[in-house]
Amino acid sequence: MAALAVIVVDVLRQSQVRHTARWFFGVDGSCMKKRLVAALGIGGALFLGAQTAVAASAPPLTQLKVLKVASPSCGVENIDEGQTRTRCDHIGPNIMVYVLEVGYGREAHVALDGFEVNGTRTPVCAFKNGNLTSCTPGEKTVGYLYALDLAGKQEGTLTFSNTSINAPGNTMSTQLYIQ
């Protein structure tokens, strides 16, 4: 609203729009409050409308992918497209699984053989060429990277699923057998 007030003052300063000043303040100075409130209301509606037009809806889920499995016994294993099980035997404590989610989901459901798995998620942004990167303030989030801690759980099938927060409301899932 402060920006709108500055615009109104600038308009009133210009000599070529004296009729605008007369409309705001009336020929004899009457109705000033009523007309100023009307002008600010119209300006506020336009301002709020402009913000609404700029906002875009969140993209639906388009991809879920297990990227990596890390453990003290094997180090970091990259998971290839279509790979259904790890190549290495990931044993011991501190097994971490990294899952990429492109789009916006409601609430991820993650389990290893049916037992809930906890983790954290970090926003992912995209360069102009489409390559994904970590986000810095002000960038548009295009998805999330989940770091899942198996918390001492060993061998089993990891399942990850989520449903889009908007149309088409699709549910996506991925799984990987961790040996």
N, C-alpha and C. Protein backbone atom coordinates (compact mmCIF):
# COMPACT_ATOMS: atom_id res chain seq x y z
N MET A 1 0.82 -1.19 0.00
CA MET A 1 0.00 0.00 0.00
C MET A 1 0.87 1.25 0.00
N ALA A 2 2.06 1.19 0.56
CA ALA A 2 2.95 2.36 0.57
C ALA A 2 3.33 2.74 -0.86
N ALA A 3 3.55 1.73 -1.71
CA ALA A 3 3.89 2.01 -3.10
C ALA A 3 2.73 2.72 -3.80
N LEU A 4 1.51 2.32 -3.48
CA LEU A 4 0.34 2.95 -4.06
C LEU A 4 0.25 4.41 -3.62
N ALA A 5 0.55 4.70 -2.35
CA ALA A 5 0.52 6.07 -1.86
C ALA A 5 1.54 6.93 -2.59
N VAL A 6 2.71 6.39 -2.88
CA VAL A 6 3.74 7.12 -3.63
C VAL A 6 3.24 7.43 -5.03
N ILE A 7 2.58 6.47 -5.66
CA ILE A 7 2.05 6.69 -7.01
C ILE A 7 1.00 7.80 -6.98
N VAL A 8 0.12 7.79 -5.99
CA VAL A 8 -0.92 8.81 -5.88
C VAL A 8 -0.28 10.19 -5.72
N VAL A 9 0.73 10.31 -4.86
CA VAL A 9 1.42 11.59 -4.66
C VAL A 9 2.07 12.05 -5.95
N ASP A 10 2.72 11.13 -6.68
CA ASP A 10 3.35 11.51 -7.95
C ASP A 10 2.32 12.02 -8.95
N VAL A 11 1.18 11.35 -9.02
CA VAL A 11 0.13 11.78 -9.94
C VAL A 11 -0.35 13.17 -9.57
N LEU A 12 -0.52 13.42 -8.27
CA LEU A 12 -1.02 14.72 -7.84
C LEU A 12 -0.02 15.83 -8.10
N ARG A 13 1.26 15.54 -8.14
CA ARG A 13 2.28 16.55 -8.39
C ARG A 13 2.32 17.01 -9.85
N GLN A 14 1.84 16.18 -10.73
CA GLN A 14 1.92 16.51 -12.16
C GLN A 14 0.84 17.52 -12.51
N SER A 15 1.25 18.60 -13.17
CA SER A 15 0.31 19.68 -13.50
C SER A 15 -0.70 19.27 -14.57
N GLN A 16 -0.33 18.34 -15.45
CA GLN A 16 -1.24 17.97 -16.53
C GLN A 16 -2.43 17.15 -16.04
N VAL A 17 -2.43 16.75 -14.78
CA VAL A 17 -3.56 15.97 -14.29
C VAL A 17 -4.27 16.70 -13.15
N ARG A 18 -4.46 17.97 -13.31
CA ARG A 18 -5.15 18.74 -12.27
C ARG A 18 -6.55 18.21 -12.03
N HIS A 19 -7.17 17.69 -13.11
CA HIS A 19 -8.52 17.15 -12.93
C HIS A 19 -8.50 15.95 -11.99
N THR A 20 -7.42 15.19 -11.96
CA THR A 20 -7.29 14.07 -11.04
C THR A 20 -7.25 14.59 -9.60
N ALA A 21 -6.50 15.64 -9.40
CA ALA A 21 -6.43 16.23 -8.06
C ALA A 21 -7.80 16.74 -7.64
N ARG A 22 -8.51 17.35 -8.56
CA ARG A 22 -9.84 17.85 -8.22
C ARG A 22 -10.78 16.69 -7.90
N TRP A 23 -10.63 15.56 -8.61
CA TRP A 23 -11.48 14.40 -8.33
C TRP A 23 -11.20 13.88 -6.92
N PHE A 24 -9.90 13.76 -6.56
CA PHE A 24 -9.55 13.26 -5.23
C PHE A 24 -10.05 14.19 -4.13
N PHE A 25 -9.82 15.48 -4.30
CA PHE A 25 -10.06 16.41 -3.22
C PHE A 25 -11.36 17.20 -3.37
N GLY A 26 -12.02 17.08 -4.51
CA GLY A 26 -13.24 17.86 -4.75
C GLY A 26 -12.86 19.30 -5.06
N VAL A 27 -13.73 19.99 -5.74
CA VAL A 27 -13.45 21.36 -6.12
C VAL A 27 -13.30 22.24 -4.89
N ASP A 28 -14.11 21.97 -3.88
CA ASP A 28 -14.04 22.78 -2.67
C ASP A 28 -13.39 22.03 -1.50
N GLY A 29 -12.75 20.88 -1.75
CA GLY A 29 -12.06 20.13 -0.70
C GLY A 29 -12.97 19.14 0.01
N SER A 30 -14.25 19.04 -0.39
CA SER A 30 -15.17 18.11 0.27
C SER A 30 -14.97 16.69 -0.28
N CYS A 31 -15.44 15.73 0.42
CA CYS A 31 -15.43 14.32 0.02
C CYS A 31 -14.02 13.75 -0.14
N MET A 32 -13.03 14.41 0.43
CA MET A 32 -11.65 13.96 0.26
C MET A 32 -11.47 12.54 0.79
N LYS A 33 -11.94 12.28 1.99
CA LYS A 33 -11.73 10.96 2.59
C LYS A 33 -12.42 9.87 1.79
N LYS A 34 -13.63 10.12 1.38
CA LYS A 34 -14.40 9.13 0.65
C LYS A 34 -13.72 8.78 -0.67
N ARG A 35 -13.26 9.79 -1.39
CA ARG A 35 -12.62 9.55 -2.68
C ARG A 35 -11.23 8.94 -2.53
N LEU A 36 -10.50 9.34 -1.50
CA LEU A 36 -9.18 8.76 -1.27
C LEU A 36 -9.30 7.29 -0.90
N VAL A 37 -10.28 6.96 -0.07
CA VAL A 37 -10.51 5.56 0.30
C VAL A 37 -10.90 4.76 -0.93
N ALA A 38 -11.73 5.32 -1.78
CA ALA A 38 -12.13 4.63 -3.01
C ALA A 38 -10.92 4.39 -3.91
N ALA A 39 -10.09 5.40 -4.06
CA ALA A 39 -8.90 5.26 -4.90
C ALA A 39 -7.93 4.23 -4.33
N LEU A 40 -7.72 4.26 -3.03
CA LEU A 40 -6.83 3.28 -2.40
C LEU A 40 -7.42 1.88 -2.49
N GLY A 41 -8.73 1.75 -2.38
CA GLY A 41 -9.37 0.44 -2.50
C GLY A 41 -9.19 -0.14 -3.89
N ILE A 42 -9.39 0.68 -4.90
CA ILE A 42 -9.19 0.22 -6.28
C ILE A 42 -7.74 -0.14 -6.51
N GLY A 43 -6.84 0.71 -6.04
CA GLY A 43 -5.41 0.43 -6.19
C GLY A 43 -5.01 -0.83 -5.45
N GLY A 44 -5.54 -1.03 -4.24
CA GLY A 44 -5.24 -2.23 -3.47
C GLY A 44 -5.74 -3.48 -4.17
N ALA A 45 -6.94 -3.41 -4.75
CA ALA A 45 -7.48 -4.56 -5.48
C ALA A 45 -6.59 -4.89 -6.68
N LEU A 46 -6.15 -3.86 -7.38
CA LEU A 46 -5.26 -4.10 -8.51
C LEU A 46 -3.93 -4.69 -8.04
N PHE A 47 -3.42 -4.19 -6.93
CA PHE A 47 -2.16 -4.69 -6.37
C PHE A 47 -2.29 -6.15 -5.98
N LEU A 48 -3.36 -6.52 -5.28
CA LEU A 48 -3.56 -7.91 -4.87
C LEU A 48 -3.80 -8.80 -6.09
N GLY A 49 -4.52 -8.30 -7.05
CA GLY A 49 -4.75 -9.06 -8.28
C GLY A 49 -3.47 -9.34 -9.02
N ALA A 50 -2.55 -8.37 -9.02
CA ALA A 50 -1.27 -8.56 -9.70
C ALA A 50 -0.46 -9.64 -9.01
N GLN A 51 -0.50 -9.70 -7.68
CA GLN A 51 0.24 -10.75 -6.98
C GLN A 51 -0.34 -12.12 -7.30
N THR A 52 -1.66 -12.21 -7.36
CA THR A 52 -2.29 -13.48 -7.66
C THR A 52 -1.91 -13.94 -9.06
N ALA A 53 -1.85 -13.04 -10.00
CA ALA A 53 -1.51 -13.40 -11.37
C ALA A 53 -0.07 -13.87 -11.49
N VAL A 54 0.81 -13.38 -10.64
CA VAL A 54 2.22 -13.75 -10.70
C VAL A 54 2.45 -15.13 -10.11
N ALA A 55 1.67 -15.51 -9.09
CA ALA A 55 1.87 -16.79 -8.42
C ALA A 55 1.49 -17.93 -9.34
N ALA A 56 2.31 -18.97 -9.36
CA ALA A 56 2.04 -20.14 -10.18
C ALA A 56 1.73 -21.32 -9.27
N SER A 57 0.94 -22.25 -9.78
CA SER A 57 0.65 -23.43 -8.97
C SER A 57 1.87 -24.33 -8.90
N ALA A 58 1.91 -25.11 -7.86
CA ALA A 58 3.04 -26.04 -7.67
C ALA A 58 2.97 -27.15 -8.70
N PRO A 59 4.12 -27.55 -9.24
CA PRO A 59 4.10 -28.61 -10.24
C PRO A 59 3.76 -29.96 -9.61
N PRO A 60 3.04 -30.81 -10.33
CA PRO A 60 2.72 -32.13 -9.79
C PRO A 60 3.97 -33.01 -9.74
N LEU A 61 3.87 -34.10 -9.01
CA LEU A 61 4.98 -35.05 -8.98
C LEU A 61 5.21 -35.62 -10.37
N THR A 62 6.46 -35.62 -10.80
CA THR A 62 6.79 -36.19 -12.11
C THR A 62 7.86 -37.27 -12.01
N GLN A 63 8.57 -37.32 -10.86
CA GLN A 63 9.65 -38.30 -10.75
C GLN A 63 9.96 -38.61 -9.29
N LEU A 64 10.16 -39.87 -8.99
CA LEU A 64 10.71 -40.35 -7.73
C LEU A 64 11.83 -41.30 -8.11
N LYS A 65 12.98 -41.11 -7.48
CA LYS A 65 14.12 -41.95 -7.86
C LYS A 65 15.07 -42.12 -6.69
N VAL A 66 15.46 -43.36 -6.40
CA VAL A 66 16.51 -43.61 -5.42
C VAL A 66 17.83 -43.30 -6.13
N LEU A 67 18.57 -42.34 -5.60
CA LEU A 67 19.82 -41.92 -6.24
C LEU A 67 21.03 -42.68 -5.72
N LYS A 68 21.12 -42.83 -4.38
CA LYS A 68 22.33 -43.39 -3.76
C LYS A 68 21.98 -44.14 -2.49
N VAL A 69 22.83 -45.11 -2.16
CA VAL A 69 22.80 -45.77 -0.86
C VAL A 69 24.21 -45.67 -0.33
N ALA A 70 24.35 -45.23 0.91
CA ALA A 70 25.67 -45.07 1.52
C ALA A 70 25.75 -45.85 2.82
N SER A 71 26.88 -46.53 3.02
CA SER A 71 27.10 -47.28 4.26
C SER A 71 28.60 -47.37 4.53
N PRO A 72 28.96 -47.64 5.79
CA PRO A 72 30.38 -47.80 6.10
C PRO A 72 31.02 -48.98 5.37
N SER A 73 30.24 -50.03 5.10
CA SER A 73 30.80 -51.22 4.46
C SER A 73 31.04 -51.06 2.96
N CYS A 74 30.27 -50.21 2.30
CA CYS A 74 30.39 -50.09 0.84
C CYS A 74 30.72 -48.68 0.35
N GLY A 75 30.66 -47.71 1.19
CA GLY A 75 30.81 -46.34 0.73
C GLY A 75 29.52 -45.91 0.06
N VAL A 76 29.63 -45.11 -0.99
CA VAL A 76 28.45 -44.60 -1.69
C VAL A 76 28.24 -45.40 -2.97
N GLU A 77 27.07 -45.97 -3.10
CA GLU A 77 26.70 -46.72 -4.31
C GLU A 77 25.66 -45.90 -5.08
N ASN A 78 25.97 -45.55 -6.32
CA ASN A 78 25.02 -44.87 -7.19
C ASN A 78 24.01 -45.90 -7.70
N ILE A 79 22.75 -45.53 -7.70
CA ILE A 79 21.70 -46.43 -8.16
C ILE A 79 21.29 -46.01 -9.57
N ASP A 80 21.42 -46.94 -10.52
CA ASP A 80 21.09 -46.67 -11.92
C ASP A 80 19.59 -46.77 -12.17
N GLU A 81 19.13 -46.12 -13.22
CA GLU A 81 17.73 -46.19 -13.65
C GLU A 81 17.38 -47.65 -13.89
N GLY A 82 16.28 -48.10 -13.31
CA GLY A 82 15.83 -49.47 -13.50
C GLY A 82 16.48 -50.49 -12.57
N GLN A 83 17.45 -50.09 -11.79
CA GLN A 83 18.12 -51.00 -10.85
C GLN A 83 17.15 -51.35 -9.72
N THR A 84 16.98 -52.65 -9.42
CA THR A 84 16.00 -53.07 -8.43
C THR A 84 16.62 -53.46 -7.08
N ARG A 85 17.95 -53.62 -7.04
CA ARG A 85 18.62 -53.99 -5.80
C ARG A 85 20.02 -53.42 -5.79
N THR A 86 20.57 -53.25 -4.59
CA THR A 86 21.93 -52.75 -4.50
C THR A 86 22.91 -53.83 -4.98
N ARG A 87 24.04 -53.41 -5.50
CA ARG A 87 25.08 -54.34 -5.94
C ARG A 87 25.94 -54.80 -4.76
N CYS A 88 26.10 -53.91 -3.80
CA CYS A 88 26.95 -54.16 -2.65
C CYS A 88 26.11 -54.58 -1.46
N ASP A 89 26.69 -55.33 -0.53
CA ASP A 89 26.01 -55.71 0.70
C ASP A 89 26.21 -54.58 1.73
N HIS A 90 25.22 -53.75 1.88
CA HIS A 90 25.27 -52.63 2.83
C HIS A 90 24.90 -53.16 4.20
N ILE A 91 25.89 -53.33 5.06
CA ILE A 91 25.64 -53.82 6.40
C ILE A 91 26.21 -52.84 7.41
N GLY A 92 25.76 -52.98 8.64
CA GLY A 92 26.27 -52.12 9.70
C GLY A 92 25.36 -50.94 9.98
N PRO A 93 25.77 -50.13 10.93
CA PRO A 93 24.96 -48.95 11.29
C PRO A 93 25.14 -47.83 10.25
N ASN A 94 24.33 -46.82 10.38
CA ASN A 94 24.47 -45.59 9.58
C ASN A 94 24.28 -45.79 8.08
N ILE A 95 23.35 -46.62 7.68
CA ILE A 95 23.03 -46.75 6.26
C ILE A 95 22.10 -45.61 5.89
N MET A 96 22.48 -44.87 4.86
CA MET A 96 21.68 -43.73 4.39
C MET A 96 21.23 -43.99 2.96
N VAL A 97 19.99 -43.59 2.65
CA VAL A 97 19.44 -43.72 1.30
C VAL A 97 18.99 -42.33 0.87
N TYR A 98 19.30 -41.96 -0.38
CA TYR A 98 18.96 -40.63 -0.91
C TYR A 98 17.96 -40.78 -2.04
N VAL A 99 16.81 -40.13 -1.88
CA VAL A 99 15.72 -40.22 -2.86
C VAL A 99 15.41 -38.82 -3.38
N LEU A 100 15.29 -38.71 -4.70
CA LEU A 100 14.92 -37.45 -5.35
C LEU A 100 13.45 -37.47 -5.68
N GLU A 101 12.76 -36.39 -5.31
CA GLU A 101 11.34 -36.20 -5.63
C GLU A 101 11.24 -34.92 -6.46
N VAL A 102 10.79 -35.03 -7.70
CA VAL A 102 10.61 -33.85 -8.56
C VAL A 102 9.12 -33.54 -8.61
N GLY A 103 8.77 -32.31 -8.25
CA GLY A 103 7.38 -31.90 -8.11
C GLY A 103 7.07 -31.77 -6.63
N TYR A 104 5.80 -31.51 -6.32
CA TYR A 104 5.39 -31.29 -4.93
C TYR A 104 4.45 -32.39 -4.48
N GLY A 105 4.86 -33.10 -3.43
CA GLY A 105 4.03 -34.15 -2.86
C GLY A 105 3.43 -33.72 -1.54
N ARG A 106 2.40 -34.44 -1.12
CA ARG A 106 1.72 -34.13 0.15
C ARG A 106 2.57 -34.57 1.34
N GLU A 107 2.74 -35.85 1.50
CA GLU A 107 3.48 -36.40 2.63
C GLU A 107 4.09 -37.72 2.20
N ALA A 108 5.39 -37.80 2.21
CA ALA A 108 6.08 -39.02 1.79
C ALA A 108 5.83 -40.15 2.79
N HIS A 109 5.65 -41.35 2.26
CA HIS A 109 5.54 -42.56 3.07
C HIS A 109 6.75 -43.42 2.74
N VAL A 110 7.59 -43.66 3.76
CA VAL A 110 8.84 -44.38 3.55
C VAL A 110 8.92 -45.52 4.54
N ALA A 111 9.26 -46.71 4.03
CA ALA A 111 9.36 -47.87 4.92
C ALA A 111 10.42 -48.84 4.39
N LEU A 112 10.98 -49.61 5.31
CA LEU A 112 11.87 -50.72 4.98
C LEU A 112 11.19 -51.97 5.50
N ASP A 113 10.74 -52.83 4.58
CA ASP A 113 9.96 -54.03 4.93
C ASP A 113 8.79 -53.69 5.85
N GLY A 114 8.13 -52.57 5.58
CA GLY A 114 6.94 -52.18 6.33
C GLY A 114 7.19 -51.36 7.58
N PHE A 115 8.44 -51.22 7.99
CA PHE A 115 8.76 -50.42 9.17
C PHE A 115 9.13 -49.01 8.73
N GLU A 116 8.52 -48.02 9.38
CA GLU A 116 8.72 -46.62 9.02
C GLU A 116 10.19 -46.22 9.08
N VAL A 117 10.60 -45.42 8.10
CA VAL A 117 11.96 -44.89 8.04
C VAL A 117 11.87 -43.37 8.11
N ASN A 118 12.70 -42.78 8.95
CA ASN A 118 12.71 -41.33 9.10
C ASN A 118 13.85 -40.72 8.30
N GLY A 119 13.74 -39.43 8.07
CA GLY A 119 14.79 -38.73 7.36
C GLY A 119 14.51 -37.24 7.29
N THR A 120 15.30 -36.57 6.51
CA THR A 120 15.12 -35.13 6.30
C THR A 120 14.94 -34.87 4.82
N ARG A 121 14.39 -33.71 4.51
CA ARG A 121 14.27 -33.34 3.10
C ARG A 121 14.86 -31.95 2.90
N THR A 122 15.50 -31.77 1.75
CA THR A 122 16.15 -30.52 1.39
C THR A 122 15.58 -30.05 0.06
N PRO A 123 15.21 -28.77 -0.06
CA PRO A 123 14.69 -28.27 -1.34
C PRO A 123 15.72 -28.39 -2.46
N VAL A 124 15.22 -28.67 -3.65
CA VAL A 124 16.04 -28.77 -4.85
C VAL A 124 15.54 -27.74 -5.85
N CYS A 125 16.46 -27.01 -6.47
CA CYS A 125 16.12 -26.01 -7.48
C CYS A 125 16.74 -26.43 -8.81
N ALA A 126 16.43 -25.69 -9.86
CA ALA A 126 16.95 -26.04 -11.19
C ALA A 126 17.67 -24.85 -11.80
N PHE A 127 18.80 -25.16 -12.45
CA PHE A 127 19.47 -24.15 -13.26
C PHE A 127 18.61 -23.89 -14.50
N LYS A 128 18.90 -22.84 -15.24
CA LYS A 128 18.13 -22.53 -16.45
C LYS A 128 18.22 -23.66 -17.48
N ASN A 129 19.33 -24.43 -17.46
CA ASN A 129 19.47 -25.53 -18.41
C ASN A 129 18.74 -26.79 -17.95
N GLY A 130 18.10 -26.74 -16.77
CA GLY A 130 17.32 -27.87 -16.28
C GLY A 130 18.05 -28.75 -15.28
N ASN A 131 19.36 -28.61 -15.14
CA ASN A 131 20.10 -29.41 -14.17
C ASN A 131 19.70 -29.00 -12.76
N LEU A 132 19.60 -29.99 -11.88
CA LEU A 132 19.17 -29.73 -10.51
C LEU A 132 20.34 -29.32 -9.64
N THR A 133 20.04 -28.50 -8.63
CA THR A 133 21.05 -28.00 -7.71
C THR A 133 20.39 -27.70 -6.37
N SER A 134 21.20 -27.46 -5.35
CA SER A 134 20.64 -27.04 -4.07
C SER A 134 20.13 -25.61 -4.22
N CYS A 135 19.17 -25.25 -3.40
CA CYS A 135 18.53 -23.95 -3.51
C CYS A 135 19.25 -22.89 -2.69
N THR A 136 19.19 -21.67 -3.20
CA THR A 136 19.61 -20.50 -2.45
C THR A 136 18.36 -19.63 -2.28
N PRO A 137 18.34 -18.74 -1.29
CA PRO A 137 17.14 -17.93 -1.05
C PRO A 137 16.67 -17.21 -2.32
N GLY A 138 15.36 -17.29 -2.57
CA GLY A 138 14.76 -16.61 -3.70
C GLY A 138 14.61 -17.48 -4.93
N GLU A 139 15.21 -18.65 -4.95
CA GLU A 139 15.09 -19.53 -6.11
C GLU A 139 13.82 -20.37 -5.99
N LYS A 140 13.32 -20.83 -7.12
CA LYS A 140 12.10 -21.63 -7.17
C LYS A 140 12.41 -23.09 -6.89
N THR A 141 11.77 -23.63 -5.88
CA THR A 141 11.93 -25.04 -5.54
C THR A 141 11.17 -25.89 -6.55
N VAL A 142 11.85 -26.92 -7.10
CA VAL A 142 11.22 -27.81 -8.07
C VAL A 142 11.01 -29.21 -7.51
N GLY A 143 11.55 -29.47 -6.32
CA GLY A 143 11.41 -30.79 -5.71
C GLY A 143 12.21 -30.86 -4.42
N TYR A 144 12.44 -32.10 -3.96
CA TYR A 144 13.13 -32.30 -2.70
C TYR A 144 14.06 -33.50 -2.79
N LEU A 145 15.17 -33.42 -2.05
CA LEU A 145 16.07 -34.54 -1.88
C LEU A 145 15.88 -35.04 -0.45
N TYR A 146 15.50 -36.30 -0.32
CA TYR A 146 15.30 -36.91 0.98
C TYR A 146 16.55 -37.68 1.37
N ALA A 147 17.03 -37.46 2.59
CA ALA A 147 18.13 -38.23 3.17
C ALA A 147 17.50 -39.12 4.24
N LEU A 148 17.44 -40.41 3.98
CA LEU A 148 16.74 -41.35 4.84
C LEU A 148 17.73 -42.16 5.65
N ASP A 149 17.55 -42.17 6.95
CA ASP A 149 18.44 -42.88 7.86
C ASP A 149 17.76 -44.20 8.24
N LEU A 150 18.39 -45.32 7.86
CA LEU A 150 17.79 -46.62 8.17
C LEU A 150 17.91 -46.97 9.66
N ALA A 151 18.62 -46.17 10.43
CA ALA A 151 18.68 -46.27 11.89
C ALA A 151 18.92 -47.69 12.38
N GLY A 152 19.94 -48.33 11.83
CA GLY A 152 20.31 -49.67 12.29
C GLY A 152 19.56 -50.78 11.60
N LYS A 153 18.52 -50.44 10.82
CA LYS A 153 17.81 -51.48 10.07
C LYS A 153 18.74 -52.00 8.97
N GLN A 154 18.67 -53.28 8.72
CA GLN A 154 19.51 -53.91 7.71
C GLN A 154 18.65 -54.36 6.54
N GLU A 155 19.18 -55.12 5.70
CA GLU A 155 18.59 -55.70 4.50
C GLU A 155 17.06 -55.69 4.45
N GLY A 156 16.55 -55.29 3.27
CA GLY A 156 15.11 -55.30 3.05
C GLY A 156 14.73 -54.41 1.89
N THR A 157 13.43 -54.37 1.60
CA THR A 157 12.91 -53.57 0.50
C THR A 157 12.49 -52.20 1.01
N LEU A 158 13.14 -51.17 0.50
CA LEU A 158 12.79 -49.79 0.82
C LEU A 158 11.70 -49.35 -0.15
N THR A 159 10.60 -48.84 0.38
CA THR A 159 9.54 -48.29 -0.48
C THR A 159 9.35 -46.83 -0.12
N PHE A 160 9.14 -46.02 -1.16
CA PHE A 160 8.94 -44.57 -1.01
C PHE A 160 7.77 -44.22 -1.91
N SER A 161 6.74 -43.56 -1.35
CA SER A 161 5.60 -43.13 -2.17
C SER A 161 5.11 -41.77 -1.70
N ASN A 162 4.49 -41.06 -2.63
CA ASN A 162 3.94 -39.75 -2.33
C ASN A 162 2.85 -39.43 -3.35
N THR A 163 1.96 -38.51 -2.99
CA THR A 163 0.86 -38.08 -3.86
C THR A 163 0.98 -36.58 -4.10
N SER A 164 0.77 -36.16 -5.36
CA SER A 164 0.84 -34.74 -5.71
C SER A 164 -0.11 -33.91 -4.86
N ILE A 165 0.32 -32.67 -4.55
CA ILE A 165 -0.54 -31.79 -3.77
C ILE A 165 -1.61 -31.14 -4.64
N ASN A 166 -1.51 -31.26 -5.95
CA ASN A 166 -2.49 -30.64 -6.84
C ASN A 166 -2.79 -31.57 -8.01
N ALA A 167 -3.59 -31.11 -8.93
CA ALA A 167 -3.99 -31.92 -10.07
C ALA A 167 -2.75 -32.38 -10.83
N PRO A 168 -2.72 -33.57 -11.26
CA PRO A 168 -3.81 -34.55 -11.30
C PRO A 168 -3.94 -35.39 -10.03
N GLY A 169 -3.22 -35.08 -8.98
CA GLY A 169 -3.31 -35.84 -7.73
C GLY A 169 -2.75 -37.25 -7.86
N ASN A 170 -1.79 -37.40 -8.76
CA ASN A 170 -1.20 -38.71 -9.00
C ASN A 170 -0.33 -39.17 -7.83
N THR A 171 -0.32 -40.49 -7.63
CA THR A 171 0.55 -41.09 -6.62
C THR A 171 1.69 -41.79 -7.35
N MET A 172 2.90 -41.55 -6.87
CA MET A 172 4.08 -42.19 -7.45
C MET A 172 4.79 -42.97 -6.36
N SER A 173 5.50 -44.02 -6.76
CA SER A 173 6.27 -44.78 -5.79
C SER A 173 7.49 -45.37 -6.47
N THR A 174 8.47 -45.70 -5.62
CA THR A 174 9.67 -46.38 -6.08
C THR A 174 10.11 -47.32 -4.98
N GLN A 175 10.86 -48.34 -5.35
CA GLN A 175 11.38 -49.25 -4.34
C GLN A 175 12.74 -49.78 -4.75
N LEU A 176 13.47 -50.22 -3.75
CA LEU A 176 14.82 -50.76 -3.98
C LEU A 176 15.09 -51.78 -2.88
N TYR A 177 15.57 -52.94 -3.30
CA TYR A 177 15.98 -53.95 -2.32
C TYR A 177 17.40 -53.62 -1.88
N ILE A 178 17.59 -53.43 -0.60
CA ILE A 178 18.92 -53.11 -0.05
C ILE A 178 19.46 -54.36 0.60
N GLN A 179 20.58 -54.87 0.06
CA GLN A 179 21.17 -56.09 0.63
C GLN A 179 22.37 -55.79 1.47
